[in-house]
PDB file of N, CA and C in Angstrom:
ATOM      1  N   MET A   1     -38.366 -12.685 -35.348  1.00  0.00           N
ATOM      2  CA  MET A   1     -37.410 -13.674 -35.776  1.00  0.00           C
ATOM      3  C   MET A   1     -36.669 -14.177 -34.546  1.00  0.00           C
ATOM      4  N   SER A   2     -36.484 -15.483 -34.491  1.00  0.00           N
ATOM      5  CA  SER A   2     -35.824 -16.054 -33.324  1.00  0.00           C
ATOM      6  C   SER A   2     -34.344 -15.692 -33.307  1.00  0.00           C
ATOM      7  N   LYS A   3     -33.812 -15.729 -32.119  1.00  0.00           N
ATOM      8  CA  LYS A   3     -32.403 -15.361 -31.945  1.00  0.00           C
ATOM      9  C   LYS A   3     -31.495 -16.355 -32.665  1.00  0.00           C
ATOM     10  N   LEU A   4     -31.856 -17.633 -32.647  1.00  0.00           N
ATOM     11  CA  LEU A   4     -31.057 -18.654 -33.314  1.00  0.00           C
ATOM     12  C   LEU A   4     -31.034 -18.430 -34.824  1.00  0.00           C
ATOM     13  N   LYS A   5     -32.193 -18.126 -35.394  1.00  0.00           N
ATOM     14  CA  LYS A   5     -32.266 -17.877 -36.834  1.00  0.00           C
ATOM     15  C   LYS A   5     -31.417 -16.658 -37.210  1.00  0.00           C
ATOM     16  N   LYS A   6     -31.477 -15.619 -36.387  1.00  0.00           N
ATOM     17  CA  LYS A   6     -30.680 -14.415 -36.638  1.00  0.00           C
ATOM     18  C   LYS A   6     -29.191 -14.735 -36.567  1.00  0.00           C
ATOM     19  N   GLN A   7     -28.774 -15.563 -35.596  1.00  0.00           N
ATOM     20  CA  GLN A   7     -27.364 -15.942 -35.476  1.00  0.00           C
ATOM     21  C   GLN A   7     -26.913 -16.765 -36.680  1.00  0.00           C
ATOM     22  N   ILE A   8     -27.764 -17.675 -37.145  1.00  0.00           N
ATOM     23  CA  ILE A   8     -27.419 -18.490 -38.311  1.00  0.00           C
ATOM     24  C   ILE A   8     -27.257 -17.609 -39.542  1.00  0.00           C
ATOM     25  N   LEU A   9     -28.178 -16.677 -39.747  1.00  0.00           N
ATOM     26  CA  LEU A   9     -28.067 -15.766 -40.892  1.00  0.00           C
ATOM     27  C   LEU A   9     -26.810 -14.912 -40.802  1.00  0.00           C
ATOM     28  N   ASN A  10     -26.458 -14.468 -39.609  1.00  0.00           N
ATOM     29  CA  ASN A  10     -25.225 -13.683 -39.433  1.00  0.00           C
ATOM     30  C   ASN A  10     -23.983 -14.520 -39.741  1.00  0.00           C
ATOM     31  N   ILE A  11     -23.965 -15.776 -39.294  1.00  0.00           N
ATOM     32  CA  ILE A  11     -22.825 -16.648 -39.572  1.00  0.00           C
ATOM     33  C   ILE A  11     -22.686 -16.886 -41.075  1.00  0.00           C
ATOM     34  N   ILE A  12     -23.796 -17.170 -41.740  1.00  0.00           N
ATOM     35  CA  ILE A  12     -23.763 -17.385 -43.190  1.00  0.00           C
ATOM     36  C   ILE A  12     -23.275 -16.128 -43.901  1.00  0.00           C
ATOM     37  N   SER A  13     -23.742 -14.971 -43.448  1.00  0.00           N
ATOM     38  CA  SER A  13     -23.329 -13.731 -44.112  1.00  0.00           C
ATOM     39  C   SER A  13     -21.834 -13.479 -43.944  1.00  0.00           C
ATOM     40  N   TRP A  14     -21.278 -13.733 -42.764  1.00  0.00           N
ATOM     41  CA  TRP A  14     -19.848 -13.509 -42.557  1.00  0.00           C
ATOM     42  C   TRP A  14     -19.011 -14.518 -43.340  1.00  0.00           C
ATOM     43  N   ILE A  15     -19.513 -15.759 -43.457  1.00  0.00           N
ATOM     44  CA  ILE A  15     -18.812 -16.752 -44.280  1.00  0.00           C
ATOM     45  C   ILE A  15     -18.808 -16.297 -45.737  1.00  0.00           C
ATOM     46  N   ALA A  16     -19.941 -15.784 -46.217  1.00  0.00           N
ATOM     47  CA  ALA A  16     -20.030 -15.294 -47.598  1.00  0.00           C
ATOM     48  C   ALA A  16     -19.073 -14.121 -47.814  1.00  0.00           C
ATOM     49  N   LEU A  17     -18.962 -13.252 -46.825  1.00  0.00           N
ATOM     50  CA  LEU A  17     -18.035 -12.121 -46.947  1.00  0.00           C
ATOM     51  C   LEU A  17     -16.590 -12.610 -47.029  1.00  0.00           C
ATOM     52  N   ALA A  18     -16.240 -13.570 -46.192  1.00  0.00           N
ATOM     53  CA  ALA A  18     -14.882 -14.116 -46.222  1.00  0.00           C
ATOM     54  C   ALA A  18     -14.596 -14.771 -47.576  1.00  0.00           C
ATOM     55  N   ILE A  19     -15.545 -15.534 -48.084  1.00  0.00           N
ATOM     56  CA  ILE A  19     -15.377 -16.155 -49.400  1.00  0.00           C
ATOM     57  C   ILE A  19     -15.233 -15.083 -50.480  1.00  0.00           C
ATOM     58  N   GLY A  20     -16.017 -14.037 -50.387  1.00  0.00           N
ATOM     59  CA  GLY A  20     -15.925 -12.951 -51.355  1.00  0.00           C
ATOM     60  C   GLY A  20     -14.567 -12.286 -51.352  1.00  0.00           C
ATOM     61  N   ILE A  21     -14.022 -12.029 -50.170  1.00  0.00           N
ATOM     62  CA  ILE A  21     -12.698 -11.409 -50.063  1.00  0.00           C
ATOM     63  C   ILE A  21     -11.626 -12.340 -50.638  1.00  0.00           C
ATOM     64  N   ILE A  22     -11.734 -13.633 -50.328  1.00  0.00           N
ATOM     65  CA  ILE A  22     -10.782 -14.606 -50.874  1.00  0.00           C
ATOM     66  C   ILE A  22     -10.862 -14.619 -52.399  1.00  0.00           C
ATOM     67  N   MET A  23     -12.074 -14.566 -52.950  1.00  0.00           N
ATOM     68  CA  MET A  23     -12.237 -14.598 -54.403  1.00  0.00           C
ATOM     69  C   MET A  23     -11.704 -13.321 -55.059  1.00  0.00           C
ATOM     70  N   VAL A  24     -11.856 -12.189 -54.390  1.00  0.00           N
ATOM     71  CA  VAL A  24     -11.289 -10.947 -54.927  1.00  0.00           C
ATOM     72  C   VAL A  24      -9.763 -11.052 -54.969  1.00  0.00           C
ATOM     73  N   LEU A  25      -9.163 -11.550 -53.885  1.00  0.00           N
ATOM     74  CA  LEU A  25      -7.714 -11.727 -53.862  1.00  0.00           C
ATOM     75  C   LEU A  25      -7.267 -12.729 -54.927  1.00  0.00           C
ATOM     76  N   TRP A  26      -8.033 -13.795 -55.084  1.00  0.00           N
ATOM     77  CA  TRP A  26      -7.744 -14.806 -56.101  1.00  0.00           C
ATOM     78  C   TRP A  26      -7.795 -14.179 -57.496  1.00  0.00           C
ATOM     79  N   ARG A  27      -8.784 -13.320 -57.697  1.00  0.00           N
ATOM     80  CA  ARG A  27      -8.938 -12.627 -58.996  1.00  0.00           C
ATOM     81  C   ARG A  27      -7.731 -11.717 -59.254  1.00  0.00           C
ATOM     82  N   ILE A  28      -7.249 -11.066 -58.227  1.00  0.00           N
ATOM     83  CA  ILE A  28      -6.123 -10.138 -58.387  1.00  0.00           C
ATOM     84  C   ILE A  28      -4.814 -10.886 -58.654  1.00  0.00           C
ATOM     85  N   PHE A  29      -4.568 -11.982 -57.925  1.00  0.00           N
ATOM     86  CA  PHE A  29      -3.246 -12.604 -57.935  1.00  0.00           C
ATOM     87  C   PHE A  29      -3.111 -13.886 -58.751  1.00  0.00           C
ATOM     88  N   GLY A  30      -4.179 -14.411 -59.318  1.00  0.00           N
ATOM     89  CA  GLY A  30      -3.946 -15.692 -59.977  1.00  0.00           C
ATOM     90  C   GLY A  30      -4.984 -16.043 -61.015  1.00  0.00           C
ATOM     91  N   ASN A  31      -5.084 -17.327 -61.283  1.00  0.00           N
ATOM     92  CA  ASN A  31      -6.089 -17.830 -62.216  1.00  0.00           C
ATOM     93  C   ASN A  31      -7.451 -17.504 -61.629  1.00  0.00           C
ATOM     94  N   SER A  32      -8.071 -16.542 -62.220  1.00  0.00           N
ATOM     95  CA  SER A  32      -9.197 -15.918 -61.545  1.00  0.00           C
ATOM     96  C   SER A  32     -10.537 -16.556 -61.894  1.00  0.00           C
ATOM     97  N   PRO A  33     -11.472 -16.471 -60.941  1.00  0.00           N
ATOM     98  CA  PRO A  33     -12.852 -16.876 -61.223  1.00  0.00           C
ATOM     99  C   PRO A  33     -13.543 -15.790 -62.060  1.00  0.00           C
ATOM    100  N   THR A  34     -14.727 -16.100 -62.542  1.00  0.00           N
ATOM    101  CA  THR A  34     -15.468 -15.119 -63.342  1.00  0.00           C
ATOM    102  C   THR A  34     -15.932 -13.964 -62.461  1.00  0.00           C
ATOM    103  N   ASP A  35     -16.341 -12.892 -63.125  1.00  0.00           N
ATOM    104  CA  ASP A  35     -16.824 -11.729 -62.383  1.00  0.00           C
ATOM    105  C   ASP A  35     -18.056 -12.075 -61.554  1.00  0.00           C
ATOM    106  N   LEU A  36     -18.945 -12.866 -62.128  1.00  0.00           N
ATOM    107  CA  LEU A  36     -20.156 -13.260 -61.409  1.00  0.00           C
ATOM    108  C   LEU A  36     -19.820 -14.082 -60.171  1.00  0.00           C
ATOM    109  N   ALA A  37     -18.840 -14.949 -60.294  1.00  0.00           N
ATOM    110  CA  ALA A  37     -18.424 -15.761 -59.152  1.00  0.00           C
ATOM    111  C   ALA A  37     -17.816 -14.904 -58.052  1.00  0.00           C
ATOM    112  N   VAL A  38     -17.199 -13.811 -58.406  1.00  0.00           N
ATOM    113  CA  VAL A  38     -16.613 -12.907 -57.411  1.00  0.00           C
ATOM    114  C   VAL A  38     -17.711 -12.088 -56.733  1.00  0.00           C
ATOM    115  N   ILE A  39     -18.703 -11.662 -57.513  1.00  0.00           N
ATOM    116  CA  ILE A  39     -19.763 -10.797 -56.985  1.00  0.00           C
ATOM    117  C   ILE A  39     -20.786 -11.573 -56.146  1.00  0.00           C
ATOM    118  N   ALA A  40     -21.031 -12.828 -56.486  1.00  0.00           N
ATOM    119  CA  ALA A  40     -22.083 -13.624 -55.830  1.00  0.00           C
ATOM    120  C   ALA A  40     -21.963 -13.677 -54.306  1.00  0.00           C
ATOM    121  N   PRO A  41     -20.776 -13.931 -53.724  1.00  0.00           N
ATOM    122  CA  PRO A  41     -20.714 -13.966 -52.252  1.00  0.00           C
ATOM    123  C   PRO A  41     -21.087 -12.630 -51.596  1.00  0.00           C
ATOM    124  N   PHE A  42     -20.776 -11.531 -52.262  1.00  0.00           N
ATOM    125  CA  PHE A  42     -21.132 -10.234 -51.699  1.00  0.00           C
ATOM    126  C   PHE A  42     -22.643 -10.006 -51.755  1.00  0.00           C
ATOM    127  N   ILE A  43     -23.276 -10.510 -52.791  1.00  0.00           N
ATOM    128  CA  ILE A  43     -24.750 -10.423 -52.881  1.00  0.00           C
ATOM    129  C   ILE A  43     -25.376 -11.276 -51.781  1.00  0.00           C
ATOM    130  N   VAL A  44     -24.844 -12.492 -51.585  1.00  0.00           N
ATOM    131  CA  VAL A  44     -25.346 -13.358 -50.510  1.00  0.00           C
ATOM    132  C   VAL A  44     -25.138 -12.684 -49.161  1.00  0.00           C
ATOM    133  N   PHE A  45     -23.978 -12.063 -48.963  1.00  0.00           N
ATOM    134  CA  PHE A  45     -23.694 -11.344 -47.715  1.00  0.00           C
ATOM    135  C   PHE A  45     -24.747 -10.269 -47.463  1.00  0.00           C
ATOM    136  N   ALA A  46     -25.030  -9.463 -48.481  1.00  0.00           N
ATOM    137  CA  ALA A  46     -25.995  -8.369 -48.329  1.00  0.00           C
ATOM    138  C   ALA A  46     -27.394  -8.907 -48.017  1.00  0.00           C
ATOM    139  N   ILE A  47     -27.807  -9.941 -48.716  1.00  0.00           N
ATOM    140  CA  ILE A  47     -29.148 -10.504 -48.492  1.00  0.00           C
ATOM    141  C   ILE A  47     -29.265 -11.087 -47.094  1.00  0.00           C
ATOM    142  N   MET A  48     -28.243 -11.794 -46.644  1.00  0.00           N
ATOM    143  CA  MET A  48     -28.286 -12.393 -45.311  1.00  0.00           C
ATOM    144  C   MET A  48     -28.286 -11.332 -44.213  1.00  0.00           C
ATOM    145  N   LYS A  49     -27.511 -10.269 -44.389  1.00  0.00           N
ATOM    146  CA  LYS A  49     -27.504  -9.201 -43.382  1.00  0.00           C
ATOM    147  C   LYS A  49     -28.856  -8.498 -43.325  1.00  0.00           C
ATOM    148  N   ILE A  50     -29.460  -8.279 -44.484  1.00  0.00           N
ATOM    149  CA  ILE A  50     -30.787  -7.663 -44.506  1.00  0.00           C
ATOM    150  C   ILE A  50     -31.801  -8.573 -43.827  1.00  0.00           C
ATOM    151  N   GLY A  51     -31.717  -9.872 -44.118  1.00  0.00           N
ATOM    152  CA  GLY A  51     -32.631 -10.830 -43.491  1.00  0.00           C
ATOM    153  C   GLY A  51     -32.451 -10.900 -41.986  1.00  0.00           C
ATOM    154  N   ALA A  52     -31.209 -10.863 -41.539  1.00  0.00           N
ATOM    155  CA  ALA A  52     -30.941 -10.940 -40.101  1.00  0.00           C
ATOM    156  C   ALA A  52     -31.407  -9.686 -39.379  1.00  0.00           C
ATOM    157  N   ASN A  53     -31.405  -8.558 -40.081  1.00  0.00           N
ATOM    158  CA  ASN A  53     -31.777  -7.297 -39.444  1.00  0.00           C
ATOM    159  C   ASN A  53     -33.182  -6.829 -39.817  1.00  0.00           C
ATOM    160  N   SER A  54     -33.989  -7.712 -40.389  1.00  0.00           N
ATOM    161  CA  SER A  54     -35.316  -7.293 -40.828  1.00  0.00           C
ATOM    162  C   SER A  54     -36.192  -6.829 -39.663  1.00  0.00           C
ATOM    163  N   GLY A  55     -36.038  -7.461 -38.506  1.00  0.00           N
ATOM    164  CA  GLY A  55     -36.807  -7.025 -37.341  1.00  0.00           C
ATOM    165  C   GLY A  55     -36.441  -5.620 -36.916  1.00  0.00           C
ATOM    166  N   ALA A  56     -35.154  -5.320 -36.934  1.00  0.00           N
ATOM    167  CA  ALA A  56     -34.699  -3.969 -36.579  1.00  0.00           C
ATOM    168  C   ALA A  56     -35.174  -2.957 -37.614  1.00  0.00           C
ATOM    169  N   ILE A  57     -35.195  -3.364 -38.879  1.00  0.00           N
ATOM    170  CA  ILE A  57     -35.667  -2.471 -39.939  1.00  0.00           C
ATOM    171  C   ILE A  57     -37.151  -2.177 -39.746  1.00  0.00           C
ATOM    172  N   LYS A  58     -37.928  -3.176 -39.367  1.00  0.00           N
ATOM    173  CA  LYS A  58     -39.357  -2.965 -39.106  1.00  0.00           C
ATOM    174  C   LYS A  58     -39.552  -2.011 -37.931  1.00  0.00           C
ATOM    175  N   ASP A  59     -38.719  -2.165 -36.891  1.00  0.00           N
ATOM    176  CA  ASP A  59     -38.819  -1.272 -35.731  1.00  0.00           C
ATOM    177  C   ASP A  59     -38.519   0.173 -36.128  1.00  0.00           C
ATOM    178  N   VAL A  60     -37.513   0.368 -36.958  1.00  0.00           N
ATOM    179  CA  VAL A  60     -37.182   1.717 -37.416  1.00  0.00           C
ATOM    180  C   VAL A  60     -38.334   2.292 -38.223  1.00  0.00           C
ATOM    181  N   GLY A  61     -38.933   1.469 -39.086  1.00  0.00           N
ATOM    182  CA  GLY A  61     -40.088   1.926 -39.862  1.00  0.00           C
ATOM    183  C   GLY A  61     -41.234   2.351 -38.962  1.00  0.00           C
ATOM    184  N   HIS A  62     -41.469   1.590 -37.902  1.00  0.00           N
ATOM    185  CA  HIS A  62     -42.542   1.938 -36.954  1.00  0.00           C
ATOM    186  C   HIS A  62     -42.219   3.255 -36.247  1.00  0.00           C
ATOM    187  N   GLN A  63     -40.965   3.437 -35.851  1.00  0.00           N
ATOM    188  CA  GLN A  63     -40.575   4.672 -35.181  1.00  0.00           C
ATOM    189  C   GLN A  63     -40.695   5.878 -36.112  1.00  0.00           C
ATOM    190  N   VAL A  64     -40.362   5.694 -37.382  1.00  0.00           N
ATOM    191  CA  VAL A  64     -40.500   6.780 -38.350  1.00  0.00           C
ATOM    192  C   VAL A  64     -41.974   7.141 -38.519  1.00  0.00           C
ATOM    193  N   LYS A  65     -42.839   6.136 -38.528  1.00  0.00           N
ATOM    194  CA  LYS A  65     -44.279   6.390 -38.653  1.00  0.00           C
ATOM    195  C   LYS A  65     -44.793   7.198 -37.452  1.00  0.00           C
ATOM    196  N   ILE A  66     -44.368   6.829 -36.262  1.00  0.00           N
ATOM    197  CA  ILE A  66     -44.772   7.564 -35.058  1.00  0.00           C
ATOM    198  C   ILE A  66     -44.232   8.988 -35.098  1.00  0.00           C
ATOM    199  N   LEU A  67     -42.969   9.143 -35.502  1.00  0.00           N
ATOM    200  CA  LEU A  67     -42.372  10.474 -35.607  1.00  0.00           C
ATOM    201  C   LEU A  67     -43.133  11.322 -36.616  1.00  0.00           C
ATOM    202  N   SER A  68     -43.541  10.719 -37.708  1.00  0.00           N
ATOM    203  CA  SER A  68     -44.296  11.439 -38.728  1.00  0.00           C
ATOM    204  C   SER A  68     -45.634  11.930 -38.166  1.00  0.00           C
ATOM    205  N   MET A  69     -46.321  11.070 -37.420  1.00  0.00           N
ATOM    206  CA  MET A  69     -47.603  11.476 -36.830  1.00  0.00           C
ATOM    207  C   MET A  69     -47.394  12.599 -35.816  1.00  0.00           C
ATOM    208  N   ASN A  70     -46.347  12.487 -34.990  1.00  0.00           N
ATOM    209  CA  ASN A  70     -46.072  13.526 -34.000  1.00  0.00           C
ATOM    210  C   ASN A  70     -45.713  14.854 -34.667  1.00  0.00           C
ATOM    211  N   THR A  71     -44.958  14.788 -35.752  1.00  0.00           N
ATOM    212  CA  THR A  71     -44.584  16.002 -36.471  1.00  0.00           C
ATOM    213  C   THR A  71     -45.817  16.661 -37.075  1.00  0.00           C
ATOM    214  N   LYS A  72     -46.698  15.846 -37.650  1.00  0.00           N
ATOM    215  CA  LYS A  72     -47.932  16.393 -38.226  1.00  0.00           C
ATOM    216  C   LYS A  72     -48.763  17.064 -37.135  1.00  0.00           C
ATOM    217  N   PHE A  73     -48.879  16.418 -35.989  1.00  0.00           N
ATOM    218  CA  PHE A  73     -49.634  16.996 -34.881  1.00  0.00           C
ATOM    219  C   PHE A  73     -49.017  18.324 -34.444  1.00  0.00           C
ATOM    220  N   ALA A  74     -47.683  18.367 -34.361  1.00  0.00           N
ATOM    221  CA  ALA A  74     -46.997  19.596 -33.926  1.00  0.00           C
ATOM    222  C   ALA A  74     -47.221  20.728 -34.926  1.00  0.00           C
ATOM    223  N   PHE A  75     -47.154  20.436 -36.227  1.00  0.00           N
ATOM    224  CA  PHE A  75     -47.384  21.474 -37.229  1.00  0.00           C
ATOM    225  C   PHE A  75     -48.836  21.942 -37.218  1.00  0.00           C
ATOM    226  N   ASP A  76     -49.773  21.035 -36.968  1.00  0.00           N
ATOM    227  CA  ASP A  76     -51.177  21.446 -36.847  1.00  0.00           C
ATOM    228  C   ASP A  76     -51.362  22.386 -35.656  1.00  0.00           C
ATOM    229  N   LYS A  77     -50.687  22.083 -34.557  1.00  0.00           N
ATOM    230  CA  LYS A  77     -50.777  22.942 -33.375  1.00  0.00           C
ATOM    231  C   LYS A  77     -50.173  24.321 -33.665  1.00  0.00           C
ATOM    232  N   VAL A  78     -49.047  24.360 -34.354  1.00  0.00           N
ATOM    233  CA  VAL A  78     -48.425  25.638 -34.719  1.00  0.00           C
ATOM    234  C   VAL A  78     -49.375  26.429 -35.625  1.00  0.00           C
ATOM    235  N   ARG A  79     -50.002  25.735 -36.588  1.00  0.00           N
ATOM    236  CA  ARG A  79     -50.943  26.411 -37.493  1.00  0.00           C
ATOM    237  C   ARG A  79     -52.105  27.024 -36.719  1.00  0.00           C
ATOM    238  N   ARG A  80     -52.642  26.285 -35.751  1.00  0.00           N
ATOM    239  CA  ARG A  80     -53.744  26.824 -34.939  1.00  0.00           C
ATOM    240  C   ARG A  80     -53.283  28.020 -34.111  1.00  0.00           C
ATOM    241  N   ASP A  81     -52.088  27.914 -33.534  1.00  0.00           N
ATOM    242  CA  ASP A  81     -51.562  29.025 -32.732  1.00  0.00           C
ATOM    243  C   ASP A  81     -51.363  30.277 -33.583  1.00  0.00           C
ATOM    244  N   ILE A  82     -50.823  30.111 -34.783  1.00  0.00           N
ATOM    245  CA  ILE A  82     -50.625  31.262 -35.671  1.00  0.00           C
ATOM    246  C   ILE A  82     -51.972  31.869 -36.059  1.00  0.00           C
ATOM    247  N   HIS A  83     -52.950  31.033 -36.300  1.00  0.00           N
ATOM    248  CA  HIS A  83     -54.286  31.544 -36.644  1.00  0.00           C
ATOM    249  C   HIS A  83     -54.859  32.362 -35.478  1.00  0.00           C
ATOM    250  N   ARG A  84     -54.694  31.848 -34.244  1.00  0.00           N
ATOM    251  CA  ARG A  84     -55.176  32.607 -33.082  1.00  0.00           C
ATOM    252  C   ARG A  84     -54.458  33.937 -32.952  1.00  0.00           C
ATOM    253  N   ILE A  85     -53.158  33.939 -33.169  1.00  0.00           N
ATOM    254  CA  ILE A  85     -52.385  35.191 -33.081  1.00  0.00           C
ATOM    255  C   ILE A  85     -52.865  36.175 -34.145  1.00  0.00           C
ATOM    256  N   GLU A  86     -53.068  35.681 -35.378  1.00  0.00           N
ATOM    257  CA  GLU A  86     -53.557  36.560 -36.447  1.00  0.00           C
ATOM    258  C   GLU A  86     -54.933  37.123 -36.099  1.00  0.00           C
ATOM    259  N   THR A  87     -55.794  36.302 -35.517  1.00  0.00           N
ATOM    260  CA  THR A  87     -57.124  36.764 -35.121  1.00  0.00           C
ATOM    261  C   THR A  87     -57.024  37.857 -34.060  1.00  0.00           C
ATOM    262  N   LYS A  88     -56.153  37.685 -33.073  1.00  0.00           N
ATOM    263  CA  LYS A  88     -55.977  38.693 -32.031  1.00  0.00           C
ATOM    264  C   LYS A  88     -55.409  39.983 -32.608  1.00  0.00           C
ATOM    265  N   ILE A  89     -54.471  39.866 -33.547  1.00  0.00           N
ATOM    266  CA  ILE A  89     -53.893  41.059 -34.178  1.00  0.00           C
ATOM    267  C   ILE A  89     -54.973  41.810 -34.956  1.00  0.00           C
ATOM    268  N   ASP A  90     -55.821  41.058 -35.671  1.00  0.00           N
ATOM    269  CA  ASP A  90     -56.913  41.694 -36.420  1.00  0.00           C
ATOM    270  C   ASP A  90     -57.862  42.421 -35.483  1.00  0.00           C
ATOM    271  N   LYS A  91     -58.188  41.833 -34.345  1.00  0.00           N
ATOM    272  CA  LYS A  91     -59.100  42.470 -33.372  1.00  0.00           C
ATOM    273  C   LYS A  91     -58.462  43.739 -32.831  1.00  0.00           C
ATOM    274  N   LEU A  92     -57.161  43.690 -32.513  1.00  0.00           N
ATOM    275  CA  LEU A  92     -56.476  44.877 -31.994  1.00  0.00           C
ATOM    276  C   LEU A  92     -56.436  45.982 -33.064  1.00  0.00           C
ATOM    277  N   GLY A  93     -56.245  45.626 -34.306  1.00  0.00           N
ATOM    278  CA  GLY A  93     -56.189  46.594 -35.389  1.00  0.00           C
ATOM    279  C   GLY A  93     -57.533  47.265 -35.604  1.00  0.00           C
ATOM    280  N   ARG A  94     -58.636  46.565 -35.416  1.00  0.00           N
ATOM    281  CA  ARG A  94     -59.968  47.142 -35.600  1.00  0.00           C
ATOM    282  C   ARG A  94     -60.340  48.079 -34.456  1.00  0.00           C
ATOM    283  N   LYS A  95     -59.800  47.845 -33.251  1.00  0.00           N
ATOM    284  CA  LYS A  95     -60.116  48.691 -32.112  1.00  0.00           C
ATOM    285  C   LYS A  95     -59.568  50.095 -32.285  1.00  0.00           C
ATOM    286  N   LYS A  96     -58.457  50.253 -32.962  1.00  0.00           N
ATOM    287  CA  LYS A  96     -57.811  51.562 -33.079  1.00  0.00           C
ATOM    288  C   LYS A  96     -58.507  52.374 -34.064  1.00  0.00           C
TER     289      LYS A  96
END
């Protein structure tokens, strides 16, 4: 995602948050908007922030995938090492 697109999405999200806060205050102190009208800017805020950070979310997903593969490899190595140790213990036990 281009840097300009990310900046535009961030600006829209912060504007939506400001509108949401104003609407909450309006709901508390005066002739209030409907519940849906109060909630809508916060939904827009959340969607825009997710959209702006989608590249970072993809990077985290990729890192988790790599970590998962490395963890699997490490556990396989531990399993092989334990098997070798058990084999050596069995050989020592048979010698006596």
